[in-house]
């Protein structure tokens, strides 16, 4: 049983999973745009609303969703900077 709607892009590719997780956070918080950038081996996503009364719950959901995606080694939310850092497997999986 799913408590939250999970966007379809989470099903395909690491890049799609990162974008899908960002979209999920956006749906939860009512925010549609956020920065997503990367460097070799890492992806960074802006996440808003990870502070405050339900912030820890949202942060753990984002981390679990990303960490369960193939090709993701770990994901950690940094609430004060409002970012999630995603460590990608080496070599990284295809981004399609």
C-alpha atoms as a PDB file:
ATOM      1  CA  UNK A   1       0.000   0.000   0.000  1.00  0.00           C
ATOM      2  CA  UNK A   2       1.446   3.366  -1.042  1.00  0.00           C
ATOM      3  CA  UNK A   3       0.709   6.365   1.127  1.00  0.00           C
ATOM      4  CA  UNK A   4       1.988   8.872  -1.424  1.00  0.00           C
ATOM      5  CA  UNK A   5       1.731   9.056  -5.201  1.00  0.00           C
ATOM      6  CA  UNK A   6       5.099   8.119  -6.679  1.00  0.00           C
ATOM      7  CA  UNK A   7       5.825   9.701 -10.067  1.00  0.00           C
ATOM      8  CA  UNK A   8       6.336   7.272 -12.932  1.00  0.00           C
ATOM      9  CA  UNK A   9       9.888   8.536 -13.730  1.00  0.00           C
ATOM     10  CA  UNK A  10      11.190   6.792 -10.598  1.00  0.00           C
ATOM     11  CA  UNK A  11      10.955   3.560 -12.567  1.00  0.00           C
ATOM     12  CA  UNK A  12      13.609   4.354 -15.212  1.00  0.00           C
ATOM     13  CA  UNK A  13      17.271   5.345 -14.963  1.00  0.00           C
ATOM     14  CA  UNK A  14      19.204   7.200 -12.291  1.00  0.00           C
ATOM     15  CA  UNK A  15      18.597  10.626 -13.831  1.00  0.00           C
ATOM     16  CA  UNK A  16      14.897   9.856 -14.073  1.00  0.00           C
ATOM     17  CA  UNK A  17      14.941   8.646 -10.471  1.00  0.00           C
ATOM     18  CA  UNK A  18      16.612  11.834  -9.262  1.00  0.00           C
ATOM     19  CA  UNK A  19      14.148  13.956 -11.220  1.00  0.00           C
ATOM     20  CA  UNK A  20      11.274  11.770 -10.001  1.00  0.00           C
ATOM     21  CA  UNK A  21      12.305  12.148  -6.372  1.00  0.00           C
ATOM     22  CA  UNK A  22      12.583  15.910  -6.869  1.00  0.00           C
ATOM     23  CA  UNK A  23       9.099  15.894  -8.391  1.00  0.00           C
ATOM     24  CA  UNK A  24       7.786  13.860  -5.440  1.00  0.00           C
ATOM     25  CA  UNK A  25       9.190  16.378  -2.974  1.00  0.00           C
ATOM     26  CA  UNK A  26       7.673  19.153  -5.062  1.00  0.00           C
ATOM     27  CA  UNK A  27       4.262  17.477  -4.997  1.00  0.00           C
ATOM     28  CA  UNK A  28       4.474  17.057  -1.219  1.00  0.00           C
ATOM     29  CA  UNK A  29       5.415  20.684  -0.692  1.00  0.00           C
ATOM     30  CA  UNK A  30       3.491  22.344  -3.503  1.00  0.00           C
ATOM     31  CA  UNK A  31       6.722  23.477  -5.212  1.00  0.00           C
ATOM     32  CA  UNK A  32       7.277  22.772  -8.896  1.00  0.00           C
ATOM     33  CA  UNK A  33      10.791  24.085  -9.670  1.00  0.00           C
ATOM     34  CA  UNK A  34      14.093  23.270  -8.013  1.00  0.00           C
ATOM     35  CA  UNK A  35      17.740  23.126  -8.961  1.00  0.00           C
ATOM     36  CA  UNK A  36      19.243  19.779  -9.912  1.00  0.00           C
ATOM     37  CA  UNK A  37      22.938  19.585 -10.726  1.00  0.00           C
ATOM     38  CA  UNK A  38      25.690  16.993 -10.722  1.00  0.00           C
ATOM     39  CA  UNK A  39      29.395  16.268 -10.807  1.00  0.00           C
ATOM     40  CA  UNK A  40      31.082  12.922 -11.441  1.00  0.00           C
ATOM     41  CA  UNK A  41      29.679  10.396  -8.981  1.00  0.00           C
ATOM     42  CA  UNK A  42      27.245  12.762  -7.273  1.00  0.00           C
ATOM     43  CA  UNK A  43      23.918  14.453  -7.912  1.00  0.00           C
ATOM     44  CA  UNK A  44      22.515  17.364  -5.909  1.00  0.00           C
ATOM     45  CA  UNK A  45      18.840  18.293  -5.650  1.00  0.00           C
ATOM     46  CA  UNK A  46      17.292  21.296  -3.939  1.00  0.00           C
ATOM     47  CA  UNK A  47      14.556  20.191  -1.545  1.00  0.00           C
ATOM     48  CA  UNK A  48      12.342  22.579   0.349  1.00  0.00           C
ATOM     49  CA  UNK A  49      10.327  21.813   3.437  1.00  0.00           C
ATOM     50  CA  UNK A  50      12.786  19.418   5.052  1.00  0.00           C
ATOM     51  CA  UNK A  51      12.871  21.560   8.173  1.00  0.00           C
ATOM     52  CA  UNK A  52       9.963  22.156  10.498  1.00  0.00           C
ATOM     53  CA  UNK A  53       7.398  19.802  12.016  1.00  0.00           C
ATOM     54  CA  UNK A  54       7.252  17.247   9.179  1.00  0.00           C
ATOM     55  CA  UNK A  55      10.679  17.948   7.726  1.00  0.00           C
ATOM     56  CA  UNK A  56      12.368  14.854   9.133  1.00  0.00           C
ATOM     57  CA  UNK A  57       9.609  12.613   7.737  1.00  0.00           C
ATOM     58  CA  UNK A  58       9.946  14.158   4.267  1.00  0.00           C
ATOM     59  CA  UNK A  59      13.760  13.936   4.425  1.00  0.00           C
ATOM     60  CA  UNK A  60      13.712  10.204   5.311  1.00  0.00           C
ATOM     61  CA  UNK A  61      11.179   9.518   2.540  1.00  0.00           C
ATOM     62  CA  UNK A  62      13.402  11.236  -0.034  1.00  0.00           C
ATOM     63  CA  UNK A  63      16.484   9.356   1.210  1.00  0.00           C
ATOM     64  CA  UNK A  64      14.754   5.955   1.179  1.00  0.00           C
ATOM     65  CA  UNK A  65      13.222   6.522  -2.252  1.00  0.00           C
ATOM     66  CA  UNK A  66      16.524   7.510  -3.816  1.00  0.00           C
ATOM     67  CA  UNK A  67      18.613   4.880  -1.992  1.00  0.00           C
ATOM     68  CA  UNK A  68      16.331   2.105  -3.253  1.00  0.00           C
ATOM     69  CA  UNK A  69      16.943   3.126  -6.862  1.00  0.00           C
ATOM     70  CA  UNK A  70      19.445   0.945  -8.819  1.00  0.00           C
ATOM     71  CA  UNK A  71      22.770   2.712  -9.221  1.00  0.00           C
ATOM     72  CA  UNK A  72      22.382   4.835  -6.102  1.00  0.00           C
ATOM     73  CA  UNK A  73      24.867   4.063  -3.313  1.00  0.00           C
ATOM     74  CA  UNK A  74      23.326   6.445  -0.763  1.00  0.00           C
ATOM     75  CA  UNK A  75      21.284   9.638  -0.456  1.00  0.00           C
ATOM     76  CA  UNK A  76      21.448  12.135   2.415  1.00  0.00           C
ATOM     77  CA  UNK A  77      19.324  15.202   3.020  1.00  0.00           C
ATOM     78  CA  UNK A  78      21.091  18.264   4.405  1.00  0.00           C
ATOM     79  CA  UNK A  79      18.130  20.120   5.880  1.00  0.00           C
ATOM     80  CA  UNK A  80      19.866  23.442   6.648  1.00  0.00           C
ATOM     81  CA  UNK A  81      21.112  23.757   3.051  1.00  0.00           C
ATOM     82  CA  UNK A  82      17.835  22.315   1.681  1.00  0.00           C
ATOM     83  CA  UNK A  83      19.669  19.808  -0.533  1.00  0.00           C
ATOM     84  CA  UNK A  84      19.847  16.085  -0.987  1.00  0.00           C
ATOM     85  CA  UNK A  85      23.207  14.646  -2.045  1.00  0.00           C
ATOM     86  CA  UNK A  86      23.073  11.399  -4.014  1.00  0.00           C
ATOM     87  CA  UNK A  87      26.167   9.180  -4.351  1.00  0.00           C
ATOM     88  CA  UNK A  88      26.056   7.251  -7.626  1.00  0.00           C
ATOM     89  CA  UNK A  89      27.628   3.849  -8.208  1.00  0.00           C
ATOM     90  CA  UNK A  90      31.010   3.672  -9.925  1.00  0.00           C
ATOM     91  CA  UNK A  91      30.931   3.357 -12.816  1.00  0.00           C
ATOM     92  CA  UNK A  92      27.599   5.166 -12.921  1.00  0.00           C
ATOM     93  CA  UNK A  93      24.677   3.427 -14.569  1.00  0.00           C
ATOM     94  CA  UNK A  94      23.273   4.794 -17.851  1.00  0.00           C
ATOM     95  CA  UNK A  95      21.409   8.062 -17.332  1.00  0.00           C
ATOM     96  CA  UNK A  96      18.563   7.172 -19.660  1.00  0.00           C
END
